[in-house]
């Protein structure tokens, strides 16, 4: 399936590095960045820029990336989500120390 034909969960599980993950773990990461059950079933093509950013963050969380290159990640986020992102990044820094 092409990117436009995939829903959010299928997109994450299509990554060879994440294909082994249980669906529950994917759902948990998506919920952490704000996806509700309805949003998890949406096609990627129907997501706004903000939701695509959240999807990318959930994917990075699942990959347990050592480095995140964030180019204006808060452009499409409200203040609640910006605070969540700052808290998440600070938590990761403390874990790495």
C-alpha atoms as a PDB file:
ATOM      1  CA  UNK A   1       0.000   0.000   0.000  1.00  0.00           C
ATOM      2  CA  UNK A   2       1.121   3.539  -0.645  1.00  0.00           C
ATOM      3  CA  UNK A   3       1.483   6.075   2.135  1.00  0.00           C
ATOM      4  CA  UNK A   4      -1.838   7.675   1.194  1.00  0.00           C
ATOM      5  CA  UNK A   5      -3.617   4.321   1.561  1.00  0.00           C
ATOM      6  CA  UNK A   6      -2.240   3.523   5.040  1.00  0.00           C
ATOM      7  CA  UNK A   7      -3.820   4.327   8.354  1.00  0.00           C
ATOM      8  CA  UNK A   8      -1.699   5.622  11.210  1.00  0.00           C
ATOM      9  CA  UNK A   9      -1.036   2.244  12.869  1.00  0.00           C
ATOM     10  CA  UNK A  10      -0.309   0.498   9.550  1.00  0.00           C
ATOM     11  CA  UNK A  11       2.157   3.263   8.672  1.00  0.00           C
ATOM     12  CA  UNK A  12       4.153   2.726  11.856  1.00  0.00           C
ATOM     13  CA  UNK A  13       4.089  -1.060  11.536  1.00  0.00           C
ATOM     14  CA  UNK A  14       5.194  -0.842   7.881  1.00  0.00           C
ATOM     15  CA  UNK A  15       8.622   0.302   9.099  1.00  0.00           C
ATOM     16  CA  UNK A  16      10.886  -2.785   9.155  1.00  0.00           C
ATOM     17  CA  UNK A  17      12.435  -1.564  12.421  1.00  0.00           C
ATOM     18  CA  UNK A  18       9.014  -1.407  14.091  1.00  0.00           C
ATOM     19  CA  UNK A  19       7.149  -4.277  12.402  1.00  0.00           C
ATOM     20  CA  UNK A  20       7.863  -6.610  15.341  1.00  0.00           C
ATOM     21  CA  UNK A  21       6.146  -4.374  17.898  1.00  0.00           C
ATOM     22  CA  UNK A  22       2.845  -5.428  19.438  1.00  0.00           C
ATOM     23  CA  UNK A  23      -0.075  -3.276  18.254  1.00  0.00           C
ATOM     24  CA  UNK A  24      -0.761  -2.338  21.897  1.00  0.00           C
ATOM     25  CA  UNK A  25       2.652  -0.682  22.143  1.00  0.00           C
ATOM     26  CA  UNK A  26       1.993   1.305  18.966  1.00  0.00           C
ATOM     27  CA  UNK A  27      -1.425   2.362  20.274  1.00  0.00           C
ATOM     28  CA  UNK A  28       0.141   3.425  23.594  1.00  0.00           C
ATOM     29  CA  UNK A  29       2.748   5.630  21.870  1.00  0.00           C
ATOM     30  CA  UNK A  30       0.089   7.191  19.659  1.00  0.00           C
ATOM     31  CA  UNK A  31      -2.124   7.870  22.672  1.00  0.00           C
ATOM     32  CA  UNK A  32       0.831   9.524  24.432  1.00  0.00           C
ATOM     33  CA  UNK A  33       1.046  12.141  21.674  1.00  0.00           C
ATOM     34  CA  UNK A  34      -2.715  12.724  21.561  1.00  0.00           C
ATOM     35  CA  UNK A  35      -4.169  10.259  19.065  1.00  0.00           C
ATOM     36  CA  UNK A  36      -7.601   8.999  20.121  1.00  0.00           C
ATOM     37  CA  UNK A  37      -9.106   5.781  18.735  1.00  0.00           C
ATOM     38  CA  UNK A  38     -10.694   7.607  15.789  1.00  0.00           C
ATOM     39  CA  UNK A  39      -7.446   9.359  14.832  1.00  0.00           C
ATOM     40  CA  UNK A  40      -5.545   6.058  14.910  1.00  0.00           C
ATOM     41  CA  UNK A  41      -7.744   4.754  12.077  1.00  0.00           C
ATOM     42  CA  UNK A  42      -7.362   7.797   9.823  1.00  0.00           C
ATOM     43  CA  UNK A  43      -5.429   7.633   6.584  1.00  0.00           C
ATOM     44  CA  UNK A  44      -2.091   9.447   6.608  1.00  0.00           C
ATOM     45  CA  UNK A  45      -3.206  11.599   3.683  1.00  0.00           C
ATOM     46  CA  UNK A  46      -6.075  12.982   5.798  1.00  0.00           C
ATOM     47  CA  UNK A  47      -3.847  14.158   8.673  1.00  0.00           C
ATOM     48  CA  UNK A  48      -3.020  17.828   9.161  1.00  0.00           C
ATOM     49  CA  UNK A  49       0.555  19.012   9.546  1.00  0.00           C
ATOM     50  CA  UNK A  50       0.226  18.965  13.327  1.00  0.00           C
ATOM     51  CA  UNK A  51      -1.002  15.378  13.394  1.00  0.00           C
ATOM     52  CA  UNK A  52       1.778  14.322  11.009  1.00  0.00           C
ATOM     53  CA  UNK A  53       4.270  15.907  13.441  1.00  0.00           C
ATOM     54  CA  UNK A  54       2.725  13.954  16.320  1.00  0.00           C
ATOM     55  CA  UNK A  55       2.892  10.773  14.237  1.00  0.00           C
ATOM     56  CA  UNK A  56       6.589  11.396  13.580  1.00  0.00           C
ATOM     57  CA  UNK A  57       7.177  11.933  17.307  1.00  0.00           C
ATOM     58  CA  UNK A  58       5.361   8.692  18.185  1.00  0.00           C
ATOM     59  CA  UNK A  59       7.468   6.863  15.603  1.00  0.00           C
ATOM     60  CA  UNK A  60      10.682   8.330  17.060  1.00  0.00           C
ATOM     61  CA  UNK A  61       9.561   7.289  20.548  1.00  0.00           C
ATOM     62  CA  UNK A  62       8.977   3.734  19.356  1.00  0.00           C
ATOM     63  CA  UNK A  63      12.357   3.667  17.607  1.00  0.00           C
ATOM     64  CA  UNK A  64      13.954   4.880  20.840  1.00  0.00           C
ATOM     65  CA  UNK A  65      16.013   7.241  18.720  1.00  0.00           C
ATOM     66  CA  UNK A  66      19.294   8.437  20.216  1.00  0.00           C
ATOM     67  CA  UNK A  67      19.106  11.684  18.263  1.00  0.00           C
ATOM     68  CA  UNK A  68      16.095  13.757  17.236  1.00  0.00           C
ATOM     69  CA  UNK A  69      16.516  16.457  14.602  1.00  0.00           C
ATOM     70  CA  UNK A  70      13.592  18.789  15.177  1.00  0.00           C
ATOM     71  CA  UNK A  71      13.089  21.605  12.680  1.00  0.00           C
ATOM     72  CA  UNK A  72      10.460  23.892  14.207  1.00  0.00           C
ATOM     73  CA  UNK A  73       8.518  20.991  15.742  1.00  0.00           C
ATOM     74  CA  UNK A  74       6.062  23.258  17.511  1.00  0.00           C
ATOM     75  CA  UNK A  75       4.777  25.067  14.407  1.00  0.00           C
ATOM     76  CA  UNK A  76       1.573  23.017  14.346  1.00  0.00           C
ATOM     77  CA  UNK A  77       1.170  22.449  18.094  1.00  0.00           C
ATOM     78  CA  UNK A  78      -0.974  24.141  20.700  1.00  0.00           C
ATOM     79  CA  UNK A  79       0.513  25.164  24.056  1.00  0.00           C
ATOM     80  CA  UNK A  80      -0.548  21.923  25.764  1.00  0.00           C
ATOM     81  CA  UNK A  81       1.281  19.831  23.184  1.00  0.00           C
ATOM     82  CA  UNK A  82       4.335  22.091  23.265  1.00  0.00           C
ATOM     83  CA  UNK A  83       4.498  21.599  27.049  1.00  0.00           C
ATOM     84  CA  UNK A  84       4.140  17.834  26.578  1.00  0.00           C
ATOM     85  CA  UNK A  85       6.988  17.799  24.020  1.00  0.00           C
ATOM     86  CA  UNK A  86       9.289  19.844  26.270  1.00  0.00           C
ATOM     87  CA  UNK A  87       8.539  17.518  29.189  1.00  0.00           C
ATOM     88  CA  UNK A  88       9.123  14.418  27.040  1.00  0.00           C
ATOM     89  CA  UNK A  89      12.459  15.727  25.742  1.00  0.00           C
ATOM     90  CA  UNK A  90      13.585  16.726  29.243  1.00  0.00           C
ATOM     91  CA  UNK A  91      12.688  13.242  30.500  1.00  0.00           C
ATOM     92  CA  UNK A  92      14.788  11.699  27.737  1.00  0.00           C
ATOM     93  CA  UNK A  93      17.763  13.920  28.596  1.00  0.00           C
ATOM     94  CA  UNK A  94      17.560  12.874  32.255  1.00  0.00           C
ATOM     95  CA  UNK A  95      17.403   9.183  31.277  1.00  0.00           C
ATOM     96  CA  UNK A  96      20.477   9.548  29.078  1.00  0.00           C
ATOM     97  CA  UNK A  97      22.501  11.199  31.858  1.00  0.00           C
END
